Amino acid sequence: MPALFAFLHHLTFIAMIVVLTMQLVLLGQPLSLQSARKLQVVDRILGLSAVALLVIGFLRVFLFEKGPGYYFHNGAFHAKLTLFLIAAILSIYPTIQFLRWGKAIKQQKIPPLGDRKRRWMRIIVHTELTAIVGMALCAALMAKGIGQLG
């Protein structure tokens, strides 16, 4: 069972990277009705992946791995959670924008997306991806026992 949850944890992590990369690519192109729909779908997948990552991760902490004593006394674990939280908070802005597009998309109209807003959304997605890369580093450090506090 621990191997299955480790696999699921890695799979959701990879899904987050893939969908954020898709967002970045789609936001780098001229917005069309089709790309706006894709961005909405991809954002939902990102949210589901993030929730799954968090739930599966905590199941691993409490049920399948080294136990909460190990993780909660590891600085790399705290850094990993902090990076996750930063990425989650940053993702709120693009999600709100994609949700606001719902009415226009239902009316078969291309949602408005100015250059400044597009640029900010791309910066946010880049930052989310950077945080996720940092999470991978923290995971590697934890796996090697680096970061133990006290």
N, C-alpha and C. Protein backbone atom coordinates (compact mmCIF):
# COMPACT_ATOMS: atom_id res chain seq x y z
N MET A 1 0.81 -1.20 0.00
CA MET A 1 0.00 0.00 0.00
C MET A 1 0.85 1.27 0.00
N PRO A 2 1.97 1.30 0.75
CA PRO A 2 2.80 2.52 0.70
C PRO A 2 3.29 2.83 -0.71
N ALA A 3 3.61 1.80 -1.49
CA ALA A 3 4.09 2.03 -2.85
C ALA A 3 2.99 2.63 -3.73
N LEU A 4 1.77 2.16 -3.54
CA LEU A 4 0.65 2.70 -4.31
C LEU A 4 0.44 4.18 -3.99
N PHE A 5 0.49 4.53 -2.72
CA PHE A 5 0.29 5.93 -2.35
C PHE A 5 1.47 6.80 -2.78
N ALA A 6 2.67 6.24 -2.77
CA ALA A 6 3.83 6.98 -3.29
C ALA A 6 3.63 7.24 -4.78
N PHE A 7 3.18 6.23 -5.50
CA PHE A 7 2.92 6.38 -6.94
C PHE A 7 1.85 7.45 -7.19
N LEU A 8 0.75 7.38 -6.45
CA LEU A 8 -0.33 8.36 -6.62
C LEU A 8 0.15 9.77 -6.28
N HIS A 9 0.99 9.88 -5.26
CA HIS A 9 1.54 11.17 -4.86
C HIS A 9 2.38 11.75 -6.00
N HIS A 10 3.24 10.91 -6.57
CA HIS A 10 4.08 11.36 -7.69
C HIS A 10 3.23 11.69 -8.92
N LEU A 11 2.21 10.89 -9.17
CA LEU A 11 1.34 11.11 -10.32
C LEU A 11 0.61 12.45 -10.23
N THR A 12 0.10 12.78 -9.06
CA THR A 12 -0.59 14.07 -8.91
C THR A 12 0.39 15.23 -9.01
N PHE A 13 1.61 15.02 -8.54
CA PHE A 13 2.66 16.04 -8.65
C PHE A 13 2.96 16.31 -10.13
N ILE A 14 3.11 15.24 -10.89
CA ILE A 14 3.39 15.36 -12.32
C ILE A 14 2.20 16.03 -13.03
N ALA A 15 0.99 15.66 -12.64
CA ALA A 15 -0.20 16.28 -13.24
C ALA A 15 -0.18 17.79 -13.04
N MET A 16 0.21 18.23 -11.85
CA MET A 16 0.28 19.66 -11.59
C MET A 16 1.29 20.34 -12.50
N ILE A 17 2.42 19.72 -12.69
CA ILE A 17 3.44 20.29 -13.58
C ILE A 17 2.92 20.37 -15.01
N VAL A 18 2.27 19.30 -15.46
CA VAL A 18 1.75 19.26 -16.83
C VAL A 18 0.69 20.34 -17.04
N VAL A 19 -0.27 20.44 -16.13
CA VAL A 19 -1.35 21.41 -16.36
C VAL A 19 -0.85 22.86 -16.22
N LEU A 20 0.09 23.10 -15.33
CA LEU A 20 0.66 24.45 -15.24
C LEU A 20 1.43 24.80 -16.51
N THR A 21 2.13 23.82 -17.07
CA THR A 21 2.84 24.04 -18.33
C THR A 21 1.84 24.32 -19.45
N MET A 22 0.73 23.60 -19.44
CA MET A 22 -0.32 23.85 -20.44
C MET A 22 -0.88 25.27 -20.29
N GLN A 23 -1.10 25.70 -19.05
CA GLN A 23 -1.58 27.06 -18.82
C GLN A 23 -0.59 28.07 -19.39
N LEU A 24 0.68 27.84 -19.11
CA LEU A 24 1.71 28.75 -19.57
C LEU A 24 1.72 28.85 -21.10
N VAL A 25 1.63 27.72 -21.76
CA VAL A 25 1.62 27.70 -23.22
C VAL A 25 0.38 28.39 -23.77
N LEU A 26 -0.79 28.05 -23.21
CA LEU A 26 -2.04 28.64 -23.69
C LEU A 26 -2.08 30.15 -23.45
N LEU A 27 -1.53 30.59 -22.32
CA LEU A 27 -1.51 32.02 -22.04
C LEU A 27 -0.48 32.77 -22.90
N GLY A 28 0.41 32.05 -23.53
CA GLY A 28 1.41 32.65 -24.41
C GLY A 28 0.92 32.82 -25.84
N GLN A 29 -0.26 32.28 -26.11
CA GLN A 29 -0.84 32.36 -27.46
C GLN A 29 -1.99 33.35 -27.48
N PRO A 30 -2.36 33.81 -28.67
CA PRO A 30 -3.56 34.66 -28.74
C PRO A 30 -4.76 33.87 -28.21
N LEU A 31 -5.58 34.52 -27.41
CA LEU A 31 -6.72 33.85 -26.80
C LEU A 31 -7.82 33.64 -27.83
N SER A 32 -8.31 32.42 -27.88
CA SER A 32 -9.45 32.07 -28.72
C SER A 32 -10.51 31.45 -27.82
N LEU A 33 -11.68 31.22 -28.37
CA LEU A 33 -12.74 30.58 -27.60
C LEU A 33 -12.30 29.19 -27.15
N GLN A 34 -11.65 28.47 -28.05
CA GLN A 34 -11.17 27.12 -27.74
C GLN A 34 -10.09 27.14 -26.65
N SER A 35 -9.14 28.05 -26.74
CA SER A 35 -8.08 28.10 -25.73
C SER A 35 -8.62 28.57 -24.38
N ALA A 36 -9.62 29.44 -24.40
CA ALA A 36 -10.24 29.88 -23.14
C ALA A 36 -10.92 28.70 -22.45
N ARG A 37 -11.63 27.88 -23.22
CA ARG A 37 -12.25 26.67 -22.66
C ARG A 37 -11.19 25.73 -22.09
N LYS A 38 -10.12 25.55 -22.84
CA LYS A 38 -9.03 24.67 -22.38
C LYS A 38 -8.44 25.19 -21.07
N LEU A 39 -8.26 26.49 -20.98
CA LEU A 39 -7.70 27.07 -19.75
C LEU A 39 -8.62 26.81 -18.57
N GLN A 40 -9.92 26.89 -18.77
CA GLN A 40 -10.86 26.60 -17.69
C GLN A 40 -10.76 25.14 -17.26
N VAL A 41 -10.71 24.23 -18.22
CA VAL A 41 -10.62 22.80 -17.91
C VAL A 41 -9.31 22.47 -17.21
N VAL A 42 -8.23 23.00 -17.75
CA VAL A 42 -6.91 22.75 -17.18
C VAL A 42 -6.83 23.29 -15.76
N ASP A 43 -7.45 24.43 -15.52
CA ASP A 43 -7.44 25.00 -14.17
C ASP A 43 -8.19 24.09 -13.18
N ARG A 44 -9.29 23.51 -13.63
CA ARG A 44 -10.02 22.57 -12.76
C ARG A 44 -9.16 21.36 -12.45
N ILE A 45 -8.47 20.87 -13.45
CA ILE A 45 -7.59 19.71 -13.24
C ILE A 45 -6.48 20.08 -12.27
N LEU A 46 -5.96 21.29 -12.39
CA LEU A 46 -4.93 21.75 -11.46
C LEU A 46 -5.45 21.74 -10.03
N GLY A 47 -6.65 22.27 -9.83
CA GLY A 47 -7.23 22.30 -8.49
C GLY A 47 -7.44 20.91 -7.92
N LEU A 48 -7.97 20.01 -8.74
CA LEU A 48 -8.19 18.63 -8.29
C LEU A 48 -6.86 17.94 -7.98
N SER A 49 -5.87 18.19 -8.82
CA SER A 49 -4.55 17.59 -8.59
C SER A 49 -3.93 18.10 -7.30
N ALA A 50 -4.07 19.39 -7.05
CA ALA A 50 -3.50 19.99 -5.83
C ALA A 50 -4.17 19.40 -4.59
N VAL A 51 -5.49 19.28 -4.61
CA VAL A 51 -6.20 18.69 -3.47
C VAL A 51 -5.77 17.24 -3.28
N ALA A 52 -5.71 16.49 -4.38
CA ALA A 52 -5.30 15.09 -4.29
C ALA A 52 -3.87 14.97 -3.76
N LEU A 53 -2.98 15.84 -4.23
CA LEU A 53 -1.59 15.83 -3.76
C LEU A 53 -1.53 16.03 -2.26
N LEU A 54 -2.27 17.00 -1.78
CA LEU A 54 -2.26 17.31 -0.35
C LEU A 54 -2.85 16.16 0.47
N VAL A 55 -3.99 15.63 0.06
CA VAL A 55 -4.63 14.53 0.79
C VAL A 55 -3.75 13.29 0.79
N ILE A 56 -3.26 12.92 -0.37
CA ILE A 56 -2.41 11.73 -0.46
C ILE A 56 -1.12 11.94 0.32
N GLY A 57 -0.57 13.14 0.24
CA GLY A 57 0.65 13.44 0.99
C GLY A 57 0.45 13.27 2.49
N PHE A 58 -0.65 13.80 3.01
CA PHE A 58 -0.89 13.66 4.45
C PHE A 58 -1.24 12.22 4.84
N LEU A 59 -1.88 11.49 3.95
CA LEU A 59 -2.10 10.06 4.23
C LEU A 59 -0.76 9.33 4.33
N ARG A 60 0.16 9.69 3.46
CA ARG A 60 1.50 9.10 3.53
C ARG A 60 2.19 9.46 4.84
N VAL A 61 2.07 10.72 5.24
CA VAL A 61 2.70 11.17 6.48
C VAL A 61 2.15 10.40 7.68
N PHE A 62 0.83 10.29 7.75
CA PHE A 62 0.20 9.72 8.96
C PHE A 62 0.04 8.20 8.92
N LEU A 63 -0.01 7.60 7.73
CA LEU A 63 -0.32 6.16 7.67
C LEU A 63 0.74 5.28 7.03
N PHE A 64 1.50 5.80 6.06
CA PHE A 64 2.29 4.90 5.24
C PHE A 64 3.80 5.10 5.26
N GLU A 65 4.28 6.16 5.79
CA GLU A 65 5.72 6.41 5.69
C GLU A 65 6.36 6.44 7.08
N LYS A 66 7.23 7.39 7.30
CA LYS A 66 8.04 7.45 8.52
C LYS A 66 7.29 7.98 9.73
N GLY A 67 6.09 8.49 9.52
CA GLY A 67 5.28 8.99 10.63
C GLY A 67 5.39 10.48 10.82
N PRO A 68 4.38 11.05 11.46
CA PRO A 68 4.34 12.51 11.63
C PRO A 68 5.52 13.05 12.43
N GLY A 69 6.04 12.29 13.37
CA GLY A 69 7.18 12.75 14.16
C GLY A 69 8.38 13.08 13.28
N TYR A 70 8.61 12.25 12.28
CA TYR A 70 9.72 12.49 11.36
C TYR A 70 9.47 13.74 10.53
N TYR A 71 8.31 13.80 9.91
CA TYR A 71 8.03 14.89 8.98
C TYR A 71 7.88 16.25 9.66
N PHE A 72 7.16 16.28 10.77
CA PHE A 72 6.91 17.56 11.41
C PHE A 72 8.13 18.10 12.14
N HIS A 73 9.19 17.31 12.20
CA HIS A 73 10.45 17.79 12.76
C HIS A 73 11.52 17.89 11.68
N ASN A 74 11.06 18.16 10.44
CA ASN A 74 11.98 18.26 9.31
C ASN A 74 11.74 19.61 8.62
N GLY A 75 12.79 20.41 8.57
CA GLY A 75 12.69 21.73 7.94
C GLY A 75 12.34 21.66 6.47
N ALA A 76 12.83 20.64 5.78
CA ALA A 76 12.52 20.49 4.36
C ALA A 76 11.03 20.23 4.17
N PHE A 77 10.41 19.49 5.08
CA PHE A 77 8.98 19.24 5.02
C PHE A 77 8.21 20.55 5.18
N HIS A 78 8.63 21.36 6.15
CA HIS A 78 7.97 22.65 6.36
C HIS A 78 8.16 23.56 5.14
N ALA A 79 9.34 23.53 4.56
CA ALA A 79 9.60 24.33 3.35
C ALA A 79 8.72 23.84 2.20
N LYS A 80 8.57 22.52 2.08
CA LYS A 80 7.73 21.94 1.02
C LYS A 80 6.28 22.38 1.18
N LEU A 81 5.77 22.34 2.40
CA LEU A 81 4.40 22.79 2.65
C LEU A 81 4.25 24.29 2.38
N THR A 82 5.25 25.06 2.74
CA THR A 82 5.21 26.50 2.50
C THR A 82 5.18 26.80 1.01
N LEU A 83 6.00 26.09 0.25
CA LEU A 83 6.01 26.28 -1.21
C LEU A 83 4.67 25.87 -1.81
N PHE A 84 4.08 24.80 -1.29
CA PHE A 84 2.76 24.37 -1.76
C PHE A 84 1.73 25.48 -1.48
N LEU A 85 1.79 26.03 -0.29
CA LEU A 85 0.86 27.08 0.10
C LEU A 85 1.04 28.33 -0.78
N ILE A 86 2.28 28.68 -1.06
CA ILE A 86 2.54 29.82 -1.94
C ILE A 86 1.94 29.58 -3.32
N ALA A 87 2.17 28.39 -3.87
CA ALA A 87 1.62 28.06 -5.20
C ALA A 87 0.10 28.08 -5.16
N ALA A 88 -0.48 27.55 -4.09
CA ALA A 88 -1.95 27.52 -3.97
C ALA A 88 -2.53 28.93 -3.91
N ILE A 89 -1.91 29.79 -3.13
CA ILE A 89 -2.40 31.17 -3.01
C ILE A 89 -2.25 31.90 -4.34
N LEU A 90 -1.12 31.71 -5.00
CA LEU A 90 -0.91 32.36 -6.29
C LEU A 90 -1.92 31.90 -7.33
N SER A 91 -2.34 30.65 -7.25
CA SER A 91 -3.25 30.10 -8.26
C SER A 91 -4.65 30.70 -8.16
N ILE A 92 -4.95 31.38 -7.07
CA ILE A 92 -6.29 31.95 -6.89
C ILE A 92 -6.58 32.99 -7.98
N TYR A 93 -5.62 33.86 -8.26
CA TYR A 93 -5.85 34.93 -9.24
C TYR A 93 -6.21 34.38 -10.62
N PRO A 94 -5.40 33.48 -11.21
CA PRO A 94 -5.81 32.94 -12.52
C PRO A 94 -7.15 32.20 -12.45
N THR A 95 -7.39 31.47 -11.38
CA THR A 95 -8.65 30.74 -11.26
C THR A 95 -9.84 31.70 -11.29
N ILE A 96 -9.74 32.79 -10.56
CA ILE A 96 -10.83 33.78 -10.56
C ILE A 96 -11.04 34.33 -11.98
N GLN A 97 -9.94 34.61 -12.68
CA GLN A 97 -10.07 35.11 -14.05
C GLN A 97 -10.76 34.10 -14.94
N PHE A 98 -10.36 32.83 -14.85
CA PHE A 98 -10.97 31.79 -15.68
C PHE A 98 -12.45 31.60 -15.35
N LEU A 99 -12.80 31.71 -14.08
CA LEU A 99 -14.21 31.59 -13.68
C LEU A 99 -15.03 32.76 -14.24
N ARG A 100 -14.45 33.94 -14.25
CA ARG A 100 -15.14 35.11 -14.78
C ARG A 100 -15.44 35.00 -16.27
N TRP A 101 -14.70 34.16 -16.94
CA TRP A 101 -14.89 33.98 -18.38
C TRP A 101 -16.14 33.16 -18.71
N GLY A 102 -16.73 32.53 -17.72
CA GLY A 102 -17.84 31.60 -17.96
C GLY A 102 -18.96 32.18 -18.79
N LYS A 103 -19.40 33.38 -18.47
CA LYS A 103 -20.53 34.00 -19.18
C LYS A 103 -20.18 34.25 -20.65
N ALA A 104 -19.00 34.82 -20.87
CA ALA A 104 -18.58 35.11 -22.26
C ALA A 104 -18.48 33.82 -23.07
N ILE A 105 -17.90 32.80 -22.47
CA ILE A 105 -17.73 31.53 -23.19
C ILE A 105 -19.08 30.90 -23.51
N LYS A 106 -20.03 30.96 -22.58
CA LYS A 106 -21.37 30.42 -22.84
C LYS A 106 -22.04 31.16 -23.99
N GLN A 107 -21.71 32.44 -24.14
CA GLN A 107 -22.26 33.24 -25.24
C GLN A 107 -21.41 33.12 -26.51
N GLN A 108 -20.46 32.18 -26.50
CA GLN A 108 -19.58 31.93 -27.65
C GLN A 108 -18.72 33.16 -27.99
N LYS A 109 -18.33 33.91 -26.96
CA LYS A 109 -17.48 35.08 -27.15
C LYS A 109 -16.11 34.81 -26.53
N ILE A 110 -15.10 35.40 -27.13
CA ILE A 110 -13.76 35.30 -26.57
C ILE A 110 -13.69 36.23 -25.36
N PRO A 111 -13.31 35.70 -24.20
CA PRO A 111 -13.24 36.55 -23.01
C PRO A 111 -12.16 37.63 -23.16
N PRO A 112 -12.37 38.78 -22.55
CA PRO A 112 -11.34 39.82 -22.63
C PRO A 112 -10.12 39.43 -21.81
N LEU A 113 -8.96 39.63 -22.40
CA LEU A 113 -7.70 39.36 -21.70
C LEU A 113 -6.66 40.34 -22.23
N GLY A 114 -6.49 41.43 -21.49
CA GLY A 114 -5.52 42.44 -21.90
C GLY A 114 -4.09 41.94 -21.74
N ASP A 115 -3.18 42.64 -22.39
CA ASP A 115 -1.77 42.25 -22.35
C ASP A 115 -1.21 42.26 -20.93
N ARG A 116 -1.58 43.26 -20.16
CA ARG A 116 -1.06 43.35 -18.79
C ARG A 116 -1.54 42.18 -17.93
N LYS A 117 -2.83 41.87 -18.03
CA LYS A 117 -3.38 40.76 -17.26
C LYS A 117 -2.76 39.43 -17.70
N ARG A 118 -2.59 39.25 -19.01
CA ARG A 118 -1.96 38.03 -19.54
C ARG A 118 -0.53 37.90 -18.99
N ARG A 119 0.19 39.02 -19.01
CA ARG A 119 1.57 39.01 -18.52
C ARG A 119 1.61 38.61 -17.04
N TRP A 120 0.71 39.20 -16.23
CA TRP A 120 0.66 38.87 -14.81
C TRP A 120 0.31 37.40 -14.59
N MET A 121 -0.61 36.90 -15.37
CA MET A 121 -1.01 35.50 -15.23
C MET A 121 0.16 34.58 -15.59
N ARG A 122 0.91 34.93 -16.61
CA ARG A 122 2.08 34.13 -16.98
C ARG A 122 3.15 34.18 -15.89
N ILE A 123 3.36 35.35 -15.32
CA ILE A 123 4.33 35.48 -14.22
C ILE A 123 3.89 34.60 -13.04
N ILE A 124 2.61 34.62 -12.74
CA ILE A 124 2.09 33.81 -11.64
C ILE A 124 2.30 32.33 -11.92
N VAL A 125 1.99 31.89 -13.12
CA VAL A 125 2.16 30.47 -13.46
C VAL A 125 3.64 30.09 -13.42
N HIS A 126 4.51 30.95 -13.92
CA HIS A 126 5.96 30.70 -13.81
C HIS A 126 6.36 30.53 -12.35
N THR A 127 5.85 31.40 -11.50
CA THR A 127 6.19 31.34 -10.07
C THR A 127 5.65 30.06 -9.44
N GLU A 128 4.44 29.66 -9.82
CA GLU A 128 3.89 28.40 -9.31
C GLU A 128 4.79 27.23 -9.71
N LEU A 129 5.22 27.22 -10.97
CA LEU A 129 6.11 26.14 -11.44
C LEU A 129 7.43 26.15 -10.67
N THR A 130 7.94 27.32 -10.40
CA THR A 130 9.18 27.43 -9.62
C THR A 130 8.98 26.87 -8.22
N ALA A 131 7.85 27.19 -7.61
CA ALA A 131 7.55 26.66 -6.27
C ALA A 131 7.46 25.13 -6.31
N ILE A 132 6.90 24.59 -7.37
CA ILE A 132 6.77 23.14 -7.49
C ILE A 132 8.13 22.48 -7.66
N VAL A 133 9.02 23.12 -8.40
CA VAL A 133 10.39 22.59 -8.52
C VAL A 133 11.06 22.60 -7.15
N GLY A 134 10.84 23.67 -6.40
CA GLY A 134 11.36 23.73 -5.03
C GLY A 134 10.79 22.62 -4.15
N MET A 135 9.52 22.28 -4.36
CA MET A 135 8.91 21.18 -3.61
C MET A 135 9.62 19.86 -3.92
N ALA A 136 9.98 19.66 -5.18
CA ALA A 136 10.70 18.43 -5.56
C ALA A 136 12.05 18.36 -4.86
N LEU A 137 12.74 19.50 -4.78
CA LEU A 137 14.01 19.55 -4.06
C LEU A 137 13.81 19.21 -2.59
N CYS A 138 12.80 19.79 -1.98
CA CYS A 138 12.51 19.51 -0.57
C CYS A 138 12.19 18.03 -0.36
N ALA A 139 11.46 17.43 -1.28
CA ALA A 139 11.13 16.00 -1.17
C ALA A 139 12.41 15.15 -1.22
N ALA A 140 13.33 15.52 -2.11
CA ALA A 140 14.59 14.79 -2.21
C ALA A 140 15.40 14.93 -0.92
N LEU A 141 15.42 16.13 -0.35
CA LEU A 141 16.13 16.35 0.90
C LEU A 141 15.52 15.52 2.03
N MET A 142 14.19 15.52 2.10
CA MET A 142 13.50 14.74 3.15
C MET A 142 13.82 13.26 3.01
N ALA A 143 13.83 12.76 1.78
CA ALA A 143 14.06 11.33 1.54
C ALA A 143 15.47 10.92 2.04
N LYS A 144 16.38 11.86 2.05
CA LYS A 144 17.76 11.59 2.50
C LYS A 144 17.98 11.97 3.96
N GLY A 145 16.90 12.38 4.64
CA GLY A 145 17.01 12.73 6.05
C GLY A 145 17.63 14.08 6.31
N ILE A 146 17.72 14.90 5.28
CA ILE A 146 18.30 16.23 5.44
C ILE A 146 17.20 17.19 5.89
N GLY A 147 17.50 17.99 6.88
CA GLY A 147 16.56 18.98 7.36
C GLY A 147 15.95 18.67 8.71
N GLN A 148 16.43 17.58 9.33
CA GLN A 148 15.88 17.22 10.64
C GLN A 148 16.17 18.32 11.66
N LEU A 149 15.14 18.70 12.39
CA LEU A 149 15.26 19.75 13.39
C LEU A 149 15.44 19.11 14.77
N GLY A 150 16.38 19.59 15.53
CA GLY A 150 16.59 19.13 16.90
C GLY A 150 16.99 17.75 16.98
